[in-house]
Amino acid sequence: MPQITQLTEDLAVADKDNGPRTTNDVKLINAGRILENSKTLGESRLPAIEVPGGVITMHVVVRPPVNDRNNDKLKDDSLKKGGCACTIL
């Protein structure tokens, strides 16, 4: 079973202009529960895990860039650009 951290690392790519920077910027949600990075999917007790060959549907939430305290500007202009992205693994 892969760890949640491994799944979020696949989504967090530093060279993307409008993507998450670290695994802490990405949260996986299954059945209304936020999954913890330190656990595996099996430890998270997902109902679909028990079905061999079953499909797991998860929501991915990416934390938006934060303000830089030194100059009070956004570190990333992605909020100004707007838009939406979807990744299917």
N, C-alpha and C. Protein backbone atom coordinates (compact mmCIF):
# COMPACT_ATOMS: atom_id res chain seq x y z
N MET A 1 0.84 -1.18 0.00
CA MET A 1 0.00 0.00 0.00
C MET A 1 0.89 1.25 0.00
N PRO A 2 0.63 2.17 -0.91
CA PRO A 2 1.41 3.41 -0.91
C PRO A 2 1.01 4.32 0.25
N GLN A 3 1.97 5.09 0.73
CA GLN A 3 1.66 6.06 1.78
C GLN A 3 1.02 7.28 1.13
N ILE A 4 0.23 8.00 1.91
CA ILE A 4 -0.43 9.21 1.42
C ILE A 4 0.63 10.21 0.96
N THR A 5 1.76 10.26 1.66
CA THR A 5 2.84 11.17 1.28
C THR A 5 3.32 10.89 -0.13
N GLN A 6 3.44 9.62 -0.51
CA GLN A 6 3.88 9.28 -1.86
C GLN A 6 2.89 9.78 -2.90
N LEU A 7 1.61 9.68 -2.61
CA LEU A 7 0.60 10.16 -3.55
C LEU A 7 0.65 11.67 -3.68
N THR A 8 0.81 12.37 -2.56
CA THR A 8 0.86 13.83 -2.63
C THR A 8 2.15 14.33 -3.25
N GLU A 9 3.26 13.58 -3.09
CA GLU A 9 4.51 13.96 -3.73
C GLU A 9 4.38 13.91 -5.24
N ASP A 10 3.61 12.96 -5.76
CA ASP A 10 3.39 12.88 -7.19
C ASP A 10 2.66 14.11 -7.71
N LEU A 11 1.83 14.70 -6.88
CA LEU A 11 1.08 15.89 -7.28
C LEU A 11 1.86 17.18 -7.10
N ALA A 12 2.77 17.21 -6.14
CA ALA A 12 3.53 18.42 -5.84
C ALA A 12 4.80 18.45 -6.67
N VAL A 13 4.80 19.26 -7.70
CA VAL A 13 5.96 19.38 -8.58
C VAL A 13 6.40 20.84 -8.57
N ALA A 14 7.62 21.09 -8.16
CA ALA A 14 8.10 22.46 -7.98
C ALA A 14 8.23 23.23 -9.28
N ASP A 15 8.41 22.57 -10.43
CA ASP A 15 8.61 23.31 -11.67
C ASP A 15 7.30 23.73 -12.33
N LYS A 16 6.17 23.37 -11.78
CA LYS A 16 4.89 23.82 -12.32
C LYS A 16 4.66 25.27 -11.89
N ASP A 17 4.15 26.08 -12.82
CA ASP A 17 3.90 27.47 -12.50
C ASP A 17 2.74 27.64 -11.53
N ASN A 18 1.72 26.82 -11.67
CA ASN A 18 0.50 27.03 -10.92
C ASN A 18 0.17 25.84 -10.02
N GLY A 19 1.17 25.11 -9.60
CA GLY A 19 0.92 23.90 -8.83
C GLY A 19 1.41 23.99 -7.40
N PRO A 20 1.16 22.96 -6.63
CA PRO A 20 1.62 22.94 -5.24
C PRO A 20 3.14 22.84 -5.16
N ARG A 21 3.72 23.40 -4.12
CA ARG A 21 5.18 23.39 -3.96
C ARG A 21 5.66 22.21 -3.13
N THR A 22 4.89 21.81 -2.11
CA THR A 22 5.29 20.72 -1.22
C THR A 22 4.10 19.81 -0.98
N THR A 23 4.37 18.67 -0.34
CA THR A 23 3.28 17.74 -0.02
C THR A 23 2.33 18.33 1.01
N ASN A 24 2.79 19.27 1.80
CA ASN A 24 1.91 19.91 2.78
C ASN A 24 0.87 20.81 2.12
N ASP A 25 1.09 21.19 0.87
CA ASP A 25 0.14 22.02 0.13
C ASP A 25 -1.00 21.20 -0.47
N VAL A 26 -0.90 19.87 -0.40
CA VAL A 26 -1.89 18.98 -1.01
C VAL A 26 -2.57 18.14 0.06
N LYS A 27 -3.89 18.10 0.02
CA LYS A 27 -4.67 17.26 0.94
C LYS A 27 -5.53 16.32 0.12
N LEU A 28 -5.54 15.04 0.48
CA LEU A 28 -6.40 14.05 -0.16
C LEU A 28 -7.60 13.80 0.74
N ILE A 29 -8.79 13.80 0.14
CA ILE A 29 -10.02 13.59 0.90
C ILE A 29 -10.74 12.39 0.31
N ASN A 30 -11.13 11.45 1.17
CA ASN A 30 -11.89 10.28 0.76
C ASN A 30 -13.06 10.12 1.71
N ALA A 31 -14.26 10.03 1.16
CA ALA A 31 -15.48 9.83 1.96
C ALA A 31 -15.61 10.88 3.06
N GLY A 32 -15.23 12.13 2.74
CA GLY A 32 -15.38 13.22 3.70
C GLY A 32 -14.29 13.31 4.74
N ARG A 33 -13.28 12.45 4.66
CA ARG A 33 -12.18 12.45 5.64
C ARG A 33 -10.89 12.91 4.98
N ILE A 34 -10.17 13.81 5.64
CA ILE A 34 -8.85 14.22 5.17
C ILE A 34 -7.87 13.14 5.58
N LEU A 35 -7.14 12.60 4.61
CA LEU A 35 -6.20 11.51 4.88
C LEU A 35 -4.89 12.07 5.40
N GLU A 36 -4.32 11.39 6.38
CA GLU A 36 -3.06 11.82 7.00
C GLU A 36 -1.88 11.34 6.17
N ASN A 37 -0.87 12.22 6.01
CA ASN A 37 0.30 11.89 5.21
C ASN A 37 1.10 10.73 5.78
N SER A 38 1.06 10.53 7.08
CA SER A 38 1.90 9.52 7.72
C SER A 38 1.33 8.11 7.63
N LYS A 39 0.10 7.96 7.14
CA LYS A 39 -0.54 6.65 7.07
C LYS A 39 -0.58 6.13 5.64
N THR A 40 -0.73 4.81 5.52
CA THR A 40 -0.94 4.21 4.20
C THR A 40 -2.43 4.23 3.91
N LEU A 41 -2.78 3.91 2.67
CA LEU A 41 -4.20 3.85 2.32
C LEU A 41 -4.91 2.76 3.12
N GLY A 42 -4.23 1.64 3.36
CA GLY A 42 -4.81 0.57 4.15
C GLY A 42 -5.07 0.98 5.59
N GLU A 43 -4.14 1.72 6.17
CA GLU A 43 -4.30 2.20 7.54
C GLU A 43 -5.41 3.24 7.65
N SER A 44 -5.72 3.90 6.55
CA SER A 44 -6.78 4.92 6.55
C SER A 44 -8.16 4.30 6.53
N ARG A 45 -8.22 2.98 6.39
CA ARG A 45 -9.48 2.23 6.39
C ARG A 45 -10.47 2.73 5.34
N LEU A 46 -9.99 2.79 4.11
CA LEU A 46 -10.86 3.18 3.02
C LEU A 46 -11.75 2.00 2.65
N PRO A 47 -13.04 2.21 2.49
CA PRO A 47 -13.94 1.09 2.20
C PRO A 47 -13.63 0.40 0.87
N ALA A 48 -13.13 1.12 -0.12
CA ALA A 48 -12.87 0.52 -1.43
C ALA A 48 -11.63 -0.37 -1.43
N ILE A 49 -10.76 -0.25 -0.43
CA ILE A 49 -9.54 -1.05 -0.36
C ILE A 49 -9.88 -2.53 -0.22
N GLU A 50 -10.98 -2.83 0.44
CA GLU A 50 -11.34 -4.22 0.69
C GLU A 50 -11.80 -4.94 -0.57
N VAL A 51 -12.16 -4.21 -1.62
CA VAL A 51 -12.61 -4.82 -2.86
C VAL A 51 -11.39 -4.99 -3.77
N PRO A 52 -11.00 -6.23 -4.08
CA PRO A 52 -9.85 -6.44 -4.96
C PRO A 52 -10.10 -5.81 -6.33
N GLY A 53 -9.15 -5.02 -6.78
CA GLY A 53 -9.28 -4.36 -8.08
C GLY A 53 -10.26 -3.21 -8.07
N GLY A 54 -10.70 -2.77 -6.90
CA GLY A 54 -11.66 -1.68 -6.78
C GLY A 54 -11.03 -0.34 -7.13
N VAL A 55 -11.87 0.61 -7.49
CA VAL A 55 -11.43 1.96 -7.82
C VAL A 55 -11.66 2.86 -6.62
N ILE A 56 -10.69 3.70 -6.31
CA ILE A 56 -10.81 4.64 -5.20
C ILE A 56 -10.95 6.04 -5.78
N THR A 57 -12.01 6.73 -5.41
CA THR A 57 -12.22 8.11 -5.84
C THR A 57 -11.86 9.03 -4.69
N MET A 58 -10.97 9.99 -4.97
CA MET A 58 -10.54 10.93 -3.94
C MET A 58 -10.63 12.35 -4.48
N HIS A 59 -10.82 13.28 -3.57
CA HIS A 59 -10.76 14.69 -3.91
C HIS A 59 -9.38 15.19 -3.52
N VAL A 60 -8.82 16.05 -4.36
CA VAL A 60 -7.52 16.64 -4.08
C VAL A 60 -7.72 18.13 -3.85
N VAL A 61 -7.28 18.61 -2.70
CA VAL A 61 -7.37 20.03 -2.37
C VAL A 61 -5.96 20.59 -2.32
N VAL A 62 -5.73 21.66 -3.09
CA VAL A 62 -4.41 22.30 -3.13
C VAL A 62 -4.52 23.64 -2.41
N ARG A 63 -3.64 23.84 -1.44
CA ARG A 63 -3.61 25.09 -0.69
C ARG A 63 -3.10 26.21 -1.60
N PRO A 64 -3.81 27.36 -1.65
CA PRO A 64 -3.36 28.47 -2.49
C PRO A 64 -2.08 29.10 -1.94
N PRO A 65 -1.34 29.83 -2.79
CA PRO A 65 -0.11 30.48 -2.32
C PRO A 65 -0.43 31.50 -1.23
N VAL A 66 0.53 31.70 -0.34
CA VAL A 66 0.33 32.62 0.78
C VAL A 66 1.04 33.94 0.51
N ASN A 67 0.65 34.98 1.24
CA ASN A 67 1.28 36.29 1.11
C ASN A 67 2.70 36.26 1.67
N ASP A 68 3.58 36.98 1.00
CA ASP A 68 4.94 37.16 1.50
C ASP A 68 4.91 38.29 2.52
N ARG A 69 5.34 38.02 3.73
CA ARG A 69 5.24 39.01 4.81
C ARG A 69 6.14 40.22 4.58
N ASN A 70 7.24 40.04 3.85
CA ASN A 70 8.20 41.13 3.66
C ASN A 70 7.66 42.24 2.77
N ASN A 71 7.02 41.87 1.66
CA ASN A 71 6.56 42.90 0.74
C ASN A 71 5.05 42.86 0.51
N ASP A 72 4.33 42.04 1.26
CA ASP A 72 2.86 41.95 1.23
C ASP A 72 2.32 41.68 -0.17
N LYS A 73 3.08 40.96 -0.99
CA LYS A 73 2.61 40.54 -2.30
C LYS A 73 2.48 39.03 -2.31
N LEU A 74 1.71 38.54 -3.25
CA LEU A 74 1.62 37.10 -3.38
C LEU A 74 2.93 36.55 -3.89
N LYS A 75 3.36 35.42 -3.33
CA LYS A 75 4.57 34.77 -3.81
C LYS A 75 4.35 34.23 -5.22
N ASP A 76 3.12 33.95 -5.56
CA ASP A 76 2.78 33.36 -6.84
C ASP A 76 1.61 34.14 -7.41
N ASP A 77 1.64 34.46 -8.69
CA ASP A 77 0.55 35.20 -9.32
C ASP A 77 -0.57 34.29 -9.78
N SER A 78 -0.59 33.05 -9.35
CA SER A 78 -1.59 32.09 -9.82
C SER A 78 -3.01 32.49 -9.44
N LEU A 79 -3.20 33.17 -8.31
CA LEU A 79 -4.55 33.60 -7.94
C LEU A 79 -5.07 34.67 -8.88
N LYS A 80 -4.17 35.49 -9.40
CA LYS A 80 -4.58 36.53 -10.34
C LYS A 80 -4.97 35.93 -11.69
N LYS A 81 -4.31 34.86 -12.08
CA LYS A 81 -4.57 34.22 -13.37
C LYS A 81 -5.92 33.53 -13.39
N GLY A 82 -6.31 32.95 -12.27
CA GLY A 82 -7.56 32.19 -12.22
C GLY A 82 -7.41 30.88 -12.98
N GLY A 83 -8.43 30.08 -12.95
CA GLY A 83 -8.39 28.83 -13.69
C GLY A 83 -8.53 27.63 -12.79
N CYS A 84 -8.55 26.49 -13.40
CA CYS A 84 -8.77 25.25 -12.67
C CYS A 84 -7.94 24.16 -13.33
N ALA A 85 -7.49 23.20 -12.55
CA ALA A 85 -6.72 22.09 -13.10
C ALA A 85 -7.21 20.79 -12.49
N CYS A 86 -7.07 19.72 -13.24
CA CYS A 86 -7.49 18.40 -12.77
C CYS A 86 -6.41 17.40 -13.15
N THR A 87 -6.04 16.53 -12.22
CA THR A 87 -5.07 15.48 -12.49
C THR A 87 -5.71 14.14 -12.19
N ILE A 88 -5.64 13.23 -13.14
CA ILE A 88 -6.17 11.89 -12.96
C ILE A 88 -5.01 10.93 -12.93
N LEU A 89 -4.86 10.21 -11.81
CA LEU A 89 -3.75 9.27 -11.66
C LEU A 89 -4.20 7.87 -11.98
